[in-house]
N, C-alpha and C. Protein backbone atom coordinates (compact mmCIF):
# COMPACT_ATOMS: atom_id res chain seq x y z
N MET A 1 0.84 -1.18 0.00
CA MET A 1 0.00 0.00 0.00
C MET A 1 0.89 1.25 0.00
N THR A 2 0.54 2.20 -0.81
CA THR A 2 1.28 3.45 -0.93
C THR A 2 0.81 4.43 0.15
N THR A 3 1.76 5.06 0.83
CA THR A 3 1.40 6.07 1.83
C THR A 3 1.10 7.40 1.12
N TRP A 4 0.46 8.31 1.85
CA TRP A 4 0.16 9.62 1.29
C TRP A 4 1.45 10.33 0.89
N ASN A 5 2.46 10.29 1.74
CA ASN A 5 3.71 10.98 1.43
C ASN A 5 4.37 10.43 0.17
N GLU A 6 4.31 9.12 -0.02
CA GLU A 6 4.87 8.52 -1.23
C GLU A 6 4.07 8.95 -2.47
N HIS A 7 2.76 8.93 -2.32
CA HIS A 7 1.88 9.34 -3.43
C HIS A 7 2.10 10.81 -3.77
N LYS A 8 2.17 11.64 -2.74
CA LYS A 8 2.38 13.08 -2.96
C LYS A 8 3.72 13.32 -3.65
N LYS A 9 4.76 12.62 -3.22
CA LYS A 9 6.08 12.78 -3.84
C LYS A 9 6.02 12.47 -5.34
N LYS A 10 5.30 11.42 -5.70
CA LYS A 10 5.15 11.06 -7.11
C LYS A 10 4.36 12.13 -7.86
N LEU A 11 3.28 12.62 -7.25
CA LEU A 11 2.48 13.66 -7.89
C LEU A 11 3.27 14.95 -8.09
N MET A 12 4.13 15.27 -7.13
CA MET A 12 4.90 16.51 -7.18
C MET A 12 5.95 16.49 -8.30
N GLU A 13 6.18 15.33 -8.89
CA GLU A 13 7.08 15.26 -10.04
C GLU A 13 6.47 15.94 -11.27
N ASN A 14 5.16 16.10 -11.26
CA ASN A 14 4.45 16.77 -12.35
C ASN A 14 4.45 18.28 -12.06
N PRO A 15 5.12 19.10 -12.89
CA PRO A 15 5.21 20.54 -12.63
C PRO A 15 3.85 21.23 -12.52
N LYS A 16 2.87 20.79 -13.30
CA LYS A 16 1.53 21.41 -13.22
C LYS A 16 0.88 21.11 -11.88
N PHE A 17 1.00 19.87 -11.43
CA PHE A 17 0.44 19.51 -10.12
C PHE A 17 1.13 20.30 -9.02
N GLU A 18 2.45 20.36 -9.07
CA GLU A 18 3.21 21.08 -8.05
C GLU A 18 2.81 22.55 -7.99
N ALA A 19 2.62 23.18 -9.15
CA ALA A 19 2.21 24.59 -9.18
C ALA A 19 0.84 24.78 -8.56
N GLU A 20 -0.10 23.90 -8.88
CA GLU A 20 -1.45 23.99 -8.30
C GLU A 20 -1.42 23.74 -6.80
N TYR A 21 -0.65 22.75 -6.38
CA TYR A 21 -0.52 22.43 -4.96
C TYR A 21 0.04 23.64 -4.21
N ASP A 22 1.09 24.24 -4.74
CA ASP A 22 1.71 25.40 -4.10
C ASP A 22 0.75 26.59 -4.06
N ALA A 23 -0.06 26.75 -5.10
CA ALA A 23 -1.01 27.87 -5.15
C ALA A 23 -2.08 27.74 -4.07
N LEU A 24 -2.41 26.53 -3.67
CA LEU A 24 -3.44 26.30 -2.66
C LEU A 24 -2.90 26.31 -1.24
N GLU A 25 -1.61 26.38 -1.07
CA GLU A 25 -0.99 26.31 0.25
C GLU A 25 -1.55 27.35 1.25
N PRO A 26 -1.74 28.61 0.86
CA PRO A 26 -2.29 29.57 1.84
C PRO A 26 -3.66 29.16 2.38
N GLU A 27 -4.52 28.62 1.53
CA GLU A 27 -5.84 28.19 1.98
C GLU A 27 -5.73 27.02 2.96
N PHE A 28 -4.83 26.08 2.66
CA PHE A 28 -4.63 24.94 3.55
C PHE A 28 -4.06 25.41 4.89
N ARG A 29 -3.15 26.35 4.85
CA ARG A 29 -2.56 26.88 6.09
C ARG A 29 -3.61 27.58 6.93
N LEU A 30 -4.46 28.40 6.29
CA LEU A 30 -5.54 29.08 7.01
C LEU A 30 -6.47 28.06 7.67
N ALA A 31 -6.87 27.06 6.91
CA ALA A 31 -7.78 26.05 7.45
C ALA A 31 -7.14 25.32 8.63
N SER A 32 -5.90 24.95 8.49
CA SER A 32 -5.19 24.24 9.56
C SER A 32 -5.08 25.08 10.82
N GLN A 33 -4.74 26.36 10.66
CA GLN A 33 -4.62 27.24 11.81
C GLN A 33 -5.97 27.49 12.47
N LEU A 34 -7.01 27.63 11.68
CA LEU A 34 -8.35 27.83 12.22
C LEU A 34 -8.79 26.62 13.04
N ILE A 35 -8.59 25.43 12.49
CA ILE A 35 -8.97 24.21 13.20
C ILE A 35 -8.20 24.11 14.52
N ALA A 36 -6.90 24.34 14.47
CA ALA A 36 -6.08 24.25 15.68
C ALA A 36 -6.53 25.26 16.74
N ALA A 37 -6.81 26.48 16.32
CA ALA A 37 -7.26 27.51 17.27
C ALA A 37 -8.62 27.16 17.86
N ARG A 38 -9.52 26.67 17.01
CA ARG A 38 -10.86 26.30 17.50
C ARG A 38 -10.76 25.16 18.50
N LEU A 39 -9.97 24.15 18.18
CA LEU A 39 -9.83 23.01 19.08
C LEU A 39 -9.14 23.39 20.38
N SER A 40 -8.17 24.31 20.31
CA SER A 40 -7.48 24.74 21.54
C SER A 40 -8.43 25.49 22.48
N LYS A 41 -9.45 26.11 21.91
CA LYS A 41 -10.48 26.81 22.71
C LYS A 41 -11.62 25.86 23.10
N LYS A 42 -11.52 24.60 22.63
CA LYS A 42 -12.54 23.58 22.90
C LYS A 42 -13.92 24.02 22.44
N LEU A 43 -13.95 24.59 21.23
CA LEU A 43 -15.21 25.05 20.64
C LEU A 43 -15.62 24.11 19.51
N THR A 44 -16.93 23.90 19.38
CA THR A 44 -17.45 23.20 18.21
C THR A 44 -17.53 24.21 17.07
N GLN A 45 -17.74 23.71 15.87
CA GLN A 45 -17.95 24.63 14.74
C GLN A 45 -19.16 25.52 15.00
N SER A 46 -20.22 24.97 15.56
CA SER A 46 -21.43 25.75 15.84
C SER A 46 -21.17 26.84 16.86
N GLU A 47 -20.41 26.52 17.90
CA GLU A 47 -20.11 27.51 18.94
C GLU A 47 -19.26 28.64 18.37
N LEU A 48 -18.26 28.29 17.56
CA LEU A 48 -17.42 29.32 16.94
C LEU A 48 -18.25 30.17 15.99
N ALA A 49 -19.09 29.54 15.22
CA ALA A 49 -19.94 30.28 14.28
C ALA A 49 -20.80 31.30 15.02
N GLU A 50 -21.38 30.89 16.12
CA GLU A 50 -22.23 31.80 16.90
C GLU A 50 -21.41 32.99 17.42
N LYS A 51 -20.23 32.70 17.96
CA LYS A 51 -19.37 33.77 18.48
C LYS A 51 -18.93 34.73 17.37
N ALA A 52 -18.73 34.20 16.17
CA ALA A 52 -18.24 35.01 15.04
C ALA A 52 -19.37 35.68 14.26
N GLY A 53 -20.60 35.28 14.52
CA GLY A 53 -21.73 35.86 13.79
C GLY A 53 -21.83 35.34 12.36
N VAL A 54 -21.43 34.09 12.16
CA VAL A 54 -21.55 33.46 10.85
C VAL A 54 -22.26 32.12 11.04
N SER A 55 -22.58 31.46 9.94
CA SER A 55 -23.23 30.15 10.06
C SER A 55 -22.19 29.06 10.28
N ARG A 56 -22.64 27.93 10.81
CA ARG A 56 -21.75 26.78 10.98
C ARG A 56 -21.22 26.32 9.64
N THR A 57 -22.04 26.46 8.61
CA THR A 57 -21.63 26.07 7.26
C THR A 57 -20.41 26.88 6.81
N VAL A 58 -20.38 28.16 7.15
CA VAL A 58 -19.23 29.01 6.79
C VAL A 58 -17.96 28.47 7.44
N ILE A 59 -18.04 28.15 8.73
CA ILE A 59 -16.88 27.61 9.45
C ILE A 59 -16.46 26.28 8.81
N SER A 60 -17.42 25.42 8.54
CA SER A 60 -17.14 24.13 7.93
C SER A 60 -16.45 24.29 6.58
N ARG A 61 -16.93 25.19 5.77
CA ARG A 61 -16.34 25.39 4.45
C ARG A 61 -14.93 25.97 4.53
N ILE A 62 -14.71 26.88 5.47
CA ILE A 62 -13.36 27.43 5.64
C ILE A 62 -12.42 26.31 6.08
N GLU A 63 -12.85 25.51 7.05
CA GLU A 63 -12.00 24.44 7.56
C GLU A 63 -11.72 23.36 6.52
N SER A 64 -12.65 23.14 5.63
CA SER A 64 -12.45 22.10 4.61
C SER A 64 -11.73 22.64 3.38
N GLY A 65 -11.56 23.96 3.31
CA GLY A 65 -10.89 24.56 2.16
C GLY A 65 -11.75 24.64 0.92
N THR A 66 -13.07 24.56 1.09
CA THR A 66 -13.95 24.58 -0.07
C THR A 66 -14.56 25.95 -0.35
N THR A 67 -14.01 26.97 0.30
CA THR A 67 -14.50 28.32 0.05
C THR A 67 -13.32 29.29 0.08
N ASN A 68 -13.53 30.46 -0.46
CA ASN A 68 -12.53 31.51 -0.42
C ASN A 68 -13.14 32.65 0.39
N PRO A 69 -12.98 32.62 1.72
CA PRO A 69 -13.65 33.60 2.57
C PRO A 69 -13.10 35.01 2.38
N THR A 70 -13.95 35.99 2.67
CA THR A 70 -13.52 37.38 2.60
C THR A 70 -12.65 37.70 3.81
N ILE A 71 -11.88 38.77 3.70
CA ILE A 71 -11.08 39.23 4.83
C ILE A 71 -11.99 39.55 6.02
N GLY A 72 -13.17 40.11 5.73
CA GLY A 72 -14.12 40.42 6.80
C GLY A 72 -14.53 39.18 7.57
N THR A 73 -14.82 38.11 6.86
CA THR A 73 -15.22 36.86 7.52
C THR A 73 -14.05 36.30 8.32
N ILE A 74 -12.88 36.28 7.72
CA ILE A 74 -11.70 35.78 8.43
C ILE A 74 -11.45 36.61 9.68
N SER A 75 -11.62 37.92 9.58
CA SER A 75 -11.41 38.82 10.71
C SER A 75 -12.39 38.51 11.84
N ARG A 76 -13.67 38.31 11.50
CA ARG A 76 -14.67 38.00 12.54
C ARG A 76 -14.36 36.67 13.23
N VAL A 77 -13.95 35.69 12.45
CA VAL A 77 -13.63 34.38 13.03
C VAL A 77 -12.38 34.50 13.91
N ALA A 78 -11.37 35.20 13.43
CA ALA A 78 -10.15 35.39 14.21
C ALA A 78 -10.46 36.10 15.52
N GLN A 79 -11.26 37.14 15.45
CA GLN A 79 -11.63 37.88 16.66
C GLN A 79 -12.37 36.98 17.65
N ALA A 80 -13.26 36.15 17.15
CA ALA A 80 -14.00 35.23 18.02
C ALA A 80 -13.07 34.23 18.69
N LEU A 81 -11.93 33.97 18.06
CA LEU A 81 -10.94 33.05 18.63
C LEU A 81 -9.87 33.77 19.45
N GLY A 82 -9.96 35.10 19.52
CA GLY A 82 -8.96 35.87 20.25
C GLY A 82 -7.63 35.91 19.53
N LYS A 83 -7.68 35.85 18.20
CA LYS A 83 -6.48 35.84 17.37
C LYS A 83 -6.42 37.08 16.50
N GLU A 84 -5.23 37.34 15.99
CA GLU A 84 -5.03 38.43 15.04
C GLU A 84 -4.71 37.85 13.67
N ILE A 85 -5.04 38.61 12.65
CA ILE A 85 -4.67 38.23 11.28
C ILE A 85 -3.31 38.87 10.99
N ALA A 86 -2.43 38.08 10.43
CA ALA A 86 -1.11 38.58 10.06
C ALA A 86 -0.80 38.15 8.63
N ILE A 87 -0.30 39.09 7.86
CA ILE A 87 0.16 38.75 6.51
C ILE A 87 1.67 38.66 6.59
N VAL A 88 2.16 37.46 6.32
CA VAL A 88 3.58 37.19 6.47
C VAL A 88 4.15 36.87 5.10
N GLY A 89 5.15 37.61 4.71
CA GLY A 89 5.78 37.38 3.42
C GLY A 89 7.16 36.78 3.59
N GLU A 90 7.67 36.33 2.49
CA GLU A 90 9.03 35.81 2.51
C GLU A 90 10.00 36.95 2.52
N SER A 91 11.05 36.82 3.29
CA SER A 91 12.07 37.88 3.37
C SER A 91 13.16 37.67 2.37
């Protein structure tokens, strides 16, 4: 059986796949950080949604990476988690 890392390594040999994968990295990072922050606060998606003034579906879609949320939505969710938004670039 092939592991995910082995499969990913093979896929990354394709320059088109690698470019698409790299382009999606910010969305994956946002989703990962949101999930970690929510879990550290011991909140359900519904509880976070209520605190942020959005629907549970919005939280679910952000966490799954199936939406491109606005800065306003990200800001409300971050505030509900007691977090700040930071734009970090490569030096």
